[in-house]
Amino acid sequence: MPVKKLMKPTLICDFDGTVANSIAKILELVNHLAPRYGYRTISPELFAQIRDLPLPKACRALKFPLYRLGQAIAVVLHDYRRIIPDLDPCPGVIPVLEKLKEQGYSLALISSNHTENLEEWLEHHQISCFDWVEGTSGILHKHRSIKARIRNHNLDRERVVYLGDEARDIKAAHHNRVKIVSVGWGLHSEQNLRKHNPDHVVTRPEELLEIIPQLIS
């Protein structure tokens, strides 16, 4: 009986806040819209207070009416996509991913941004470690996006790790029965991420060089 060939272990990386240092830029865009929509601007102190809140509670804290949320998100995403090439990578992340690539891991990058925006960002920063890069259908239903990528790329769930910075990344990974490593340098705080029981939380990119081989090899 022939031995089944193991599929290459795959690390699927979220873009915003995980690979790209985008949180501060997004806050700038949100604050730019504050006068138009009549909500509070977000100072660093206020951001620390609301960063872990569910979206409805965060909107209430900002005195932002929920019925206008969809319109505001569309405007922010439209403006944000224009500045994507100017975003810097999160400090230390790319060298670590390049080392994992050298060690035989397949790397993927997904985002609610358009694929061409991601490719432009990678080209701008001369980053070539990702095997595939794909934009998804929006910021909601992340579990469906992960499921679709697992199916489309014929991945073995047991040899997939998702890397993200939000609690919803953890929920989406759990929904798809894949391992999840949460990063503490993005949107949600380390304390909040741990409450949702990821497989690991890292606060420095270098930790991934030890954690990822423990999860998939």
C-alpha atoms as a PDB file:
ATOM      1  CA  MET A   1       0.000   0.000   0.000  1.00  0.00           C
ATOM      2  CA  PRO A   2       1.548   3.372  -1.031  1.00  0.00           C
ATOM      3  CA  VAL A   3       2.397   5.807   1.722  1.00  0.00           C
ATOM      4  CA  LYS A   4       0.282   8.954   1.612  1.00  0.00           C
ATOM      5  CA  LYS A   5       2.414  11.998   0.939  1.00  0.00           C
ATOM      6  CA  LEU A   6       2.105  14.668   3.619  1.00  0.00           C
ATOM      7  CA  MET A   7       0.969  18.057   2.382  1.00  0.00           C
ATOM      8  CA  LYS A   8       3.209  21.023   3.022  1.00  0.00           C
ATOM      9  CA  PRO A   9       2.372  22.735   6.349  1.00  0.00           C
ATOM     10  CA  THR A  10       0.664  26.059   5.678  1.00  0.00           C
ATOM     11  CA  LEU A  11       0.628  29.302   7.652  1.00  0.00           C
ATOM     12  CA  ILE A  12      -2.260  31.570   6.612  1.00  0.00           C
ATOM     13  CA  CYS A  13      -1.588  35.152   7.683  1.00  0.00           C
ATOM     14  CA  ASP A  14      -4.091  37.920   8.198  1.00  0.00           C
ATOM     15  CA  PHE A  15      -2.948  41.200   6.621  1.00  0.00           C
ATOM     16  CA  ASP A  16      -4.203  44.141   8.707  1.00  0.00           C
ATOM     17  CA  GLY A  17      -2.583  44.401  12.125  1.00  0.00           C
ATOM     18  CA  THR A  18      -0.779  41.077  11.743  1.00  0.00           C
ATOM     19  CA  VAL A  19       1.557  41.534   8.780  1.00  0.00           C
ATOM     20  CA  ALA A  20       0.856  45.176   7.882  1.00  0.00           C
ATOM     21  CA  ASN A  21       1.154  47.889  10.519  1.00  0.00           C
ATOM     22  CA  SER A  22      -2.224  49.395   9.661  1.00  0.00           C
ATOM     23  CA  ILE A  23      -4.046  50.106  12.921  1.00  0.00           C
ATOM     24  CA  ALA A  24      -2.747  53.669  13.365  1.00  0.00           C
ATOM     25  CA  LYS A  25      -3.578  54.566   9.740  1.00  0.00           C
ATOM     26  CA  ILE A  26      -7.099  53.176  10.074  1.00  0.00           C
ATOM     27  CA  LEU A  27      -7.615  55.249  13.215  1.00  0.00           C
ATOM     28  CA  GLU A  28      -6.504  58.347  11.291  1.00  0.00           C
ATOM     29  CA  LEU A  29      -9.135  57.650   8.637  1.00  0.00           C
ATOM     30  CA  VAL A  30     -11.821  57.014  11.260  1.00  0.00           C
ATOM     31  CA  ASN A  31     -10.968  60.268  13.043  1.00  0.00           C
ATOM     32  CA  HIS A  32     -11.023  62.169   9.748  1.00  0.00           C
ATOM     33  CA  LEU A  33     -14.661  61.101   9.331  1.00  0.00           C
ATOM     34  CA  ALA A  34     -15.668  62.066  12.878  1.00  0.00           C
ATOM     35  CA  PRO A  35     -16.973  65.572  12.025  1.00  0.00           C
ATOM     36  CA  ARG A  36     -18.974  64.182   9.096  1.00  0.00           C
ATOM     37  CA  TYR A  37     -20.736  61.562  11.210  1.00  0.00           C
ATOM     38  CA  GLY A  38     -20.749  63.400  14.526  1.00  0.00           C
ATOM     39  CA  TYR A  39     -18.940  60.858  16.684  1.00  0.00           C
ATOM     40  CA  ARG A  40     -16.031  61.264  19.102  1.00  0.00           C
ATOM     41  CA  THR A  41     -12.495  61.230  17.760  1.00  0.00           C
ATOM     42  CA  ILE A  42     -10.408  58.346  19.054  1.00  0.00           C
ATOM     43  CA  SER A  43      -7.418  59.395  21.143  1.00  0.00           C
ATOM     44  CA  PRO A  44      -4.784  56.804  22.125  1.00  0.00           C
ATOM     45  CA  GLU A  45      -6.366  56.719  25.591  1.00  0.00           C
ATOM     46  CA  LEU A  46      -9.848  56.116  24.189  1.00  0.00           C
ATOM     47  CA  PHE A  47      -8.547  53.475  21.806  1.00  0.00           C
ATOM     48  CA  ALA A  48      -7.082  51.582  24.763  1.00  0.00           C
ATOM     49  CA  GLN A  49     -10.541  51.629  26.375  1.00  0.00           C
ATOM     50  CA  ILE A  50     -12.563  50.484  23.346  1.00  0.00           C
ATOM     51  CA  ARG A  51     -10.167  48.280  21.352  1.00  0.00           C
ATOM     52  CA  ASP A  52     -11.531  45.060  22.857  1.00  0.00           C
ATOM     53  CA  LEU A  53     -15.214  46.006  22.869  1.00  0.00           C
ATOM     54  CA  PRO A  54     -17.709  44.365  20.523  1.00  0.00           C
ATOM     55  CA  LEU A  55     -18.547  46.704  17.655  1.00  0.00           C
ATOM     56  CA  PRO A  56     -21.992  47.770  18.979  1.00  0.00           C
ATOM     57  CA  LYS A  57     -20.513  48.713  22.376  1.00  0.00           C
ATOM     58  CA  ALA A  58     -17.621  50.550  20.743  1.00  0.00           C
ATOM     59  CA  CYS A  59     -20.114  52.533  18.654  1.00  0.00           C
ATOM     60  CA  ARG A  60     -22.065  53.479  21.762  1.00  0.00           C
ATOM     61  CA  ALA A  61     -18.859  54.633  23.467  1.00  0.00           C
ATOM     62  CA  LEU A  62     -18.150  56.862  20.457  1.00  0.00           C
ATOM     63  CA  LYS A  63     -21.770  58.072  20.335  1.00  0.00           C
ATOM     64  CA  PHE A  64     -21.978  56.685  16.814  1.00  0.00           C
ATOM     65  CA  PRO A  65     -25.424  55.537  15.560  1.00  0.00           C
ATOM     66  CA  LEU A  66     -25.379  51.898  14.517  1.00  0.00           C
ATOM     67  CA  TYR A  67     -27.682  52.515  11.559  1.00  0.00           C
ATOM     68  CA  ARG A  68     -24.893  54.529   9.879  1.00  0.00           C
ATOM     69  CA  LEU A  69     -22.202  51.915  10.511  1.00  0.00           C
ATOM     70  CA  GLY A  70     -22.435  50.206   7.124  1.00  0.00           C
ATOM     71  CA  GLN A  71     -22.026  53.482   5.255  1.00  0.00           C
ATOM     72  CA  ALA A  72     -19.084  54.572   7.416  1.00  0.00           C
ATOM     73  CA  ILE A  73     -17.282  51.232   6.995  1.00  0.00           C
ATOM     74  CA  ALA A  74     -17.656  51.484   3.212  1.00  0.00           C
ATOM     75  CA  VAL A  75     -16.149  54.987   3.206  1.00  0.00           C
ATOM     76  CA  VAL A  76     -13.231  53.987   5.453  1.00  0.00           C
ATOM     77  CA  LEU A  77     -12.453  50.913   3.340  1.00  0.00           C
ATOM     78  CA  HIS A  78     -12.576  52.959   0.139  1.00  0.00           C
ATOM     79  CA  ASP A  79     -10.133  55.528   1.509  1.00  0.00           C
ATOM     80  CA  TYR A  80      -7.988  52.907   3.196  1.00  0.00           C
ATOM     81  CA  ARG A  81      -7.394  50.921   0.011  1.00  0.00           C
ATOM     82  CA  ARG A  82      -5.771  53.966  -1.548  1.00  0.00           C
ATOM     83  CA  ILE A  83      -3.086  54.159   1.156  1.00  0.00           C
ATOM     84  CA  ILE A  84      -2.286  50.443   1.451  1.00  0.00           C
ATOM     85  CA  PRO A  85       0.994  50.669  -0.507  1.00  0.00           C
ATOM     86  CA  ASP A  86       2.264  53.237   2.026  1.00  0.00           C
ATOM     87  CA  LEU A  87       1.742  50.960   5.035  1.00  0.00           C
ATOM     88  CA  ASP A  88       4.839  49.581   6.714  1.00  0.00           C
ATOM     89  CA  PRO A  89       5.158  45.903   7.638  1.00  0.00           C
ATOM     90  CA  CYS A  90       4.771  45.174  11.338  1.00  0.00           C
ATOM     91  CA  PRO A  91       8.257  45.375  12.864  1.00  0.00           C
ATOM     92  CA  GLY A  92      10.153  42.098  12.678  1.00  0.00           C
ATOM     93  CA  VAL A  93       7.395  40.058  11.032  1.00  0.00           C
ATOM     94  CA  ILE A  94       8.700  39.677   7.479  1.00  0.00           C
ATOM     95  CA  PRO A  95      12.179  38.368   8.419  1.00  0.00           C
ATOM     96  CA  VAL A  96      10.511  35.720  10.606  1.00  0.00           C
ATOM     97  CA  LEU A  97       8.124  34.683   7.824  1.00  0.00           C
ATOM     98  CA  GLU A  98      11.041  34.455   5.399  1.00  0.00           C
ATOM     99  CA  LYS A  99      12.812  32.085   7.801  1.00  0.00           C
ATOM    100  CA  LEU A 100       9.703  29.917   8.083  1.00  0.00           C
ATOM    101  CA  LYS A 101       9.520  29.846   4.291  1.00  0.00           C
ATOM    102  CA  GLU A 102      13.138  28.657   4.166  1.00  0.00           C
ATOM    103  CA  GLN A 103      12.245  25.917   6.654  1.00  0.00           C
ATOM    104  CA  GLY A 104       9.647  24.502   4.259  1.00  0.00           C
ATOM    105  CA  TYR A 105       6.392  26.141   5.304  1.00  0.00           C
ATOM    106  CA  SER A 106       3.900  27.359   2.718  1.00  0.00           C
ATOM    107  CA  LEU A 107       2.841  30.945   3.439  1.00  0.00           C
ATOM    108  CA  ALA A 108      -0.422  32.604   2.472  1.00  0.00           C
ATOM    109  CA  LEU A 109      -1.784  36.116   2.933  1.00  0.00           C
ATOM    110  CA  ILE A 110      -5.496  36.946   3.070  1.00  0.00           C
ATOM    111  CA  SER A 111      -7.363  40.161   3.690  1.00  0.00           C
ATOM    112  CA  SER A 112     -10.677  41.941   3.190  1.00  0.00           C
ATOM    113  CA  ASN A 113      -8.749  44.177   0.791  1.00  0.00           C
ATOM    114  CA  HIS A 114      -8.640  43.481  -2.940  1.00  0.00           C
ATOM    115  CA  THR A 115      -6.011  41.028  -4.125  1.00  0.00           C
ATOM    116  CA  GLU A 116      -4.398  43.644  -6.356  1.00  0.00           C
ATOM    117  CA  ASN A 117      -3.974  45.951  -3.338  1.00  0.00           C
ATOM    118  CA  LEU A 118      -2.126  43.210  -1.477  1.00  0.00           C
ATOM    119  CA  GLU A 119       0.063  42.435  -4.468  1.00  0.00           C
ATOM    120  CA  GLU A 120       0.908  46.120  -4.890  1.00  0.00           C
ATOM    121  CA  TRP A 121       1.877  46.320  -1.200  1.00  0.00           C
ATOM    122  CA  LEU A 122       4.096  43.250  -1.474  1.00  0.00           C
ATOM    123  CA  GLU A 123       5.774  44.569  -4.603  1.00  0.00           C
ATOM    124  CA  HIS A 124       6.297  47.994  -3.014  1.00  0.00           C
ATOM    125  CA  HIS A 125       8.129  46.404  -0.076  1.00  0.00           C
ATOM    126  CA  GLN A 126       9.843  43.722  -2.199  1.00  0.00           C
ATOM    127  CA  ILE A 127       8.278  40.901  -0.196  1.00  0.00           C
ATOM    128  CA  SER A 128       8.212  37.553  -2.001  1.00  0.00           C
ATOM    129  CA  CYS A 129       7.790  34.926   0.707  1.00  0.00           C
ATOM    130  CA  PHE A 130       4.052  34.268   0.178  1.00  0.00           C
ATOM    131  CA  ASP A 131       2.985  31.329  -1.977  1.00  0.00           C
ATOM    132  CA  TRP A 132      -0.464  32.768  -2.564  1.00  0.00           C
ATOM    133  CA  VAL A 133      -2.227  36.028  -1.811  1.00  0.00           C
ATOM    134  CA  GLU A 134      -5.977  36.534  -1.909  1.00  0.00           C
ATOM    135  CA  GLY A 135      -8.472  39.238  -1.055  1.00  0.00           C
ATOM    136  CA  THR A 136     -11.776  38.130   0.415  1.00  0.00           C
ATOM    137  CA  SER A 137     -15.359  39.304   0.040  1.00  0.00           C
ATOM    138  CA  GLY A 138     -15.431  41.744   2.959  1.00  0.00           C
ATOM    139  CA  ILE A 139     -14.703  42.226   6.641  1.00  0.00           C
ATOM    140  CA  LEU A 140     -17.535  39.984   7.841  1.00  0.00           C
ATOM    141  CA  HIS A 141     -17.902  36.178   7.790  1.00  0.00           C
ATOM    142  CA  LYS A 142     -14.181  35.483   8.110  1.00  0.00           C
ATOM    143  CA  HIS A 143     -14.900  31.825   8.893  1.00  0.00           C
ATOM    144  CA  ARG A 144     -16.368  31.447   5.396  1.00  0.00           C
ATOM    145  CA  SER A 145     -13.279  33.010   3.842  1.00  0.00           C
ATOM    146  CA  ILE A 146     -10.980  30.592   5.658  1.00  0.00           C
ATOM    147  CA  LYS A 147     -13.180  27.637   4.737  1.00  0.00           C
ATOM    148  CA  ALA A 148     -13.126  28.649   1.072  1.00  0.00           C
ATOM    149  CA  ARG A 149      -9.318  28.924   1.032  1.00  0.00           C
ATOM    150  CA  ILE A 150      -8.909  25.532   2.678  1.00  0.00           C
ATOM    151  CA  ARG A 151     -11.189  24.019   0.034  1.00  0.00           C
ATOM    152  CA  ASN A 152      -9.797  25.904  -2.973  1.00  0.00           C
ATOM    153  CA  HIS A 153      -6.172  25.123  -2.111  1.00  0.00           C
ATOM    154  CA  ASN A 154      -6.914  21.553  -1.012  1.00  0.00           C
ATOM    155  CA  LEU A 155      -5.302  22.076   2.379  1.00  0.00           C
ATOM    156  CA  ASP A 156      -5.080  19.557   5.192  1.00  0.00           C
ATOM    157  CA  ARG A 157      -6.728  21.226   8.215  1.00  0.00           C
ATOM    158  CA  GLU A 158      -4.382  19.431  10.579  1.00  0.00           C
ATOM    159  CA  ARG A 159      -1.407  21.072   8.857  1.00  0.00           C
ATOM    160  CA  VAL A 160      -2.785  24.616   8.756  1.00  0.00           C
ATOM    161  CA  VAL A 161      -2.181  27.427  11.245  1.00  0.00           C
ATOM    162  CA  TYR A 162      -3.953  30.762  11.043  1.00  0.00           C
ATOM    163  CA  LEU A 163      -2.133  33.895  12.240  1.00  0.00           C
ATOM    164  CA  GLY A 164      -4.305  36.835  13.278  1.00  0.00           C
ATOM    165  CA  ASP A 165      -4.705  39.775  15.646  1.00  0.00           C
ATOM    166  CA  GLU A 166      -8.433  39.738  16.481  1.00  0.00           C
ATOM    167  CA  ALA A 167     -10.827  37.673  18.559  1.00  0.00           C
ATOM    168  CA  ARG A 168     -12.883  36.964  15.436  1.00  0.00           C
ATOM    169  CA  ASP A 169      -9.795  35.334  13.899  1.00  0.00           C
ATOM    170  CA  ILE A 170      -9.800  32.898  16.804  1.00  0.00           C
ATOM    171  CA  LYS A 171     -13.506  32.181  16.397  1.00  0.00           C
ATOM    172  CA  ALA A 172     -13.110  31.683  12.640  1.00  0.00           C
ATOM    173  CA  ALA A 173     -10.191  29.280  13.118  1.00  0.00           C
ATOM    174  CA  HIS A 174     -12.076  27.295  15.749  1.00  0.00           C
ATOM    175  CA  HIS A 175     -15.096  27.142  13.430  1.00  0.00           C
ATOM    176  CA  ASN A 176     -12.880  25.622  10.725  1.00  0.00           C
ATOM    177  CA  ARG A 177     -11.015  23.305  13.120  1.00  0.00           C
ATOM    178  CA  VAL A 178      -7.603  24.801  12.353  1.00  0.00           C
ATOM    179  CA  LYS A 179      -4.960  25.943  14.808  1.00  0.00           C
ATOM    180  CA  ILE A 180      -4.715  29.637  15.602  1.00  0.00           C
ATOM    181  CA  VAL A 181      -1.814  31.764  16.800  1.00  0.00           C
ATOM    182  CA  SER A 182      -2.819  35.246  17.938  1.00  0.00           C
ATOM    183  CA  VAL A 183      -0.430  38.191  17.806  1.00  0.00           C
ATOM    184  CA  GLY A 184      -0.352  40.858  20.501  1.00  0.00           C
ATOM    185  CA  TRP A 185       0.816  43.733  18.272  1.00  0.00           C
ATOM    186  CA  GLY A 186      -2.467  44.270  16.372  1.00  0.00           C
ATOM    187  CA  LEU A 187      -6.008  45.418  17.096  1.00  0.00           C
ATOM    188  CA  HIS A 188      -6.973  43.388  20.168  1.00  0.00           C
ATOM    189  CA  SER A 189      -5.069  43.273  23.430  1.00  0.00           C
ATOM    190  CA  GLU A 190      -3.183  40.203  24.565  1.00  0.00           C
ATOM    191  CA  GLN A 191      -5.535  39.855  27.551  1.00  0.00           C
ATOM    192  CA  ASN A 192      -8.616  39.823  25.351  1.00  0.00           C
ATOM    193  CA  LEU A 193      -7.103  37.377  22.876  1.00  0.00           C
ATOM    194  CA  ARG A 194      -6.297  34.895  25.647  1.00  0.00           C
ATOM    195  CA  LYS A 195      -9.940  34.943  26.791  1.00  0.00           C
ATOM    196  CA  HIS A 196     -10.915  33.355  23.462  1.00  0.00           C
ATOM    197  CA  ASN A 197      -8.503  30.419  23.855  1.00  0.00           C
ATOM    198  CA  PRO A 198      -6.197  30.506  20.845  1.00  0.00           C
ATOM    199  CA  ASP A 199      -3.588  27.763  20.606  1.00  0.00           C
ATOM    200  CA  HIS A 200      -0.914  30.360  21.365  1.00  0.00           C
ATOM    201  CA  VAL A 201      -0.475  34.102  21.832  1.00  0.00           C
ATOM    202  CA  VAL A 202       2.806  35.704  20.788  1.00  0.00           C
ATOM    203  CA  THR A 203       3.962  39.208  21.595  1.00  0.00           C
ATOM    204  CA  ARG A 204       7.181  39.120  19.556  1.00  0.00           C
ATOM    205  CA  PRO A 205       7.473  37.829  15.964  1.00  0.00           C
ATOM    206  CA  GLU A 206      10.549  35.764  16.865  1.00  0.00           C
ATOM    207  CA  GLU A 207       8.354  33.519  19.014  1.00  0.00           C
ATOM    208  CA  LEU A 208       6.756  32.162  15.844  1.00  0.00           C
ATOM    209  CA  LEU A 209       9.980  30.347  14.952  1.00  0.00           C
ATOM    210  CA  GLU A 210       9.457  28.136  18.004  1.00  0.00           C
ATOM    211  CA  ILE A 211       5.646  28.017  18.135  1.00  0.00           C
ATOM    212  CA  ILE A 212       4.820  27.162  14.506  1.00  0.00           C
ATOM    213  CA  PRO A 213       6.987  24.000  14.360  1.00  0.00           C
ATOM    214  CA  GLN A 214       5.323  22.826  17.574  1.00  0.00           C
ATOM    215  CA  LEU A 215       1.893  23.121  15.963  1.00  0.00           C
ATOM    216  CA  ILE A 216       2.649  21.807  12.486  1.00  0.00           C
ATOM    217  CA  SER A 217       5.742  20.070  11.139  1.00  0.00           C
END
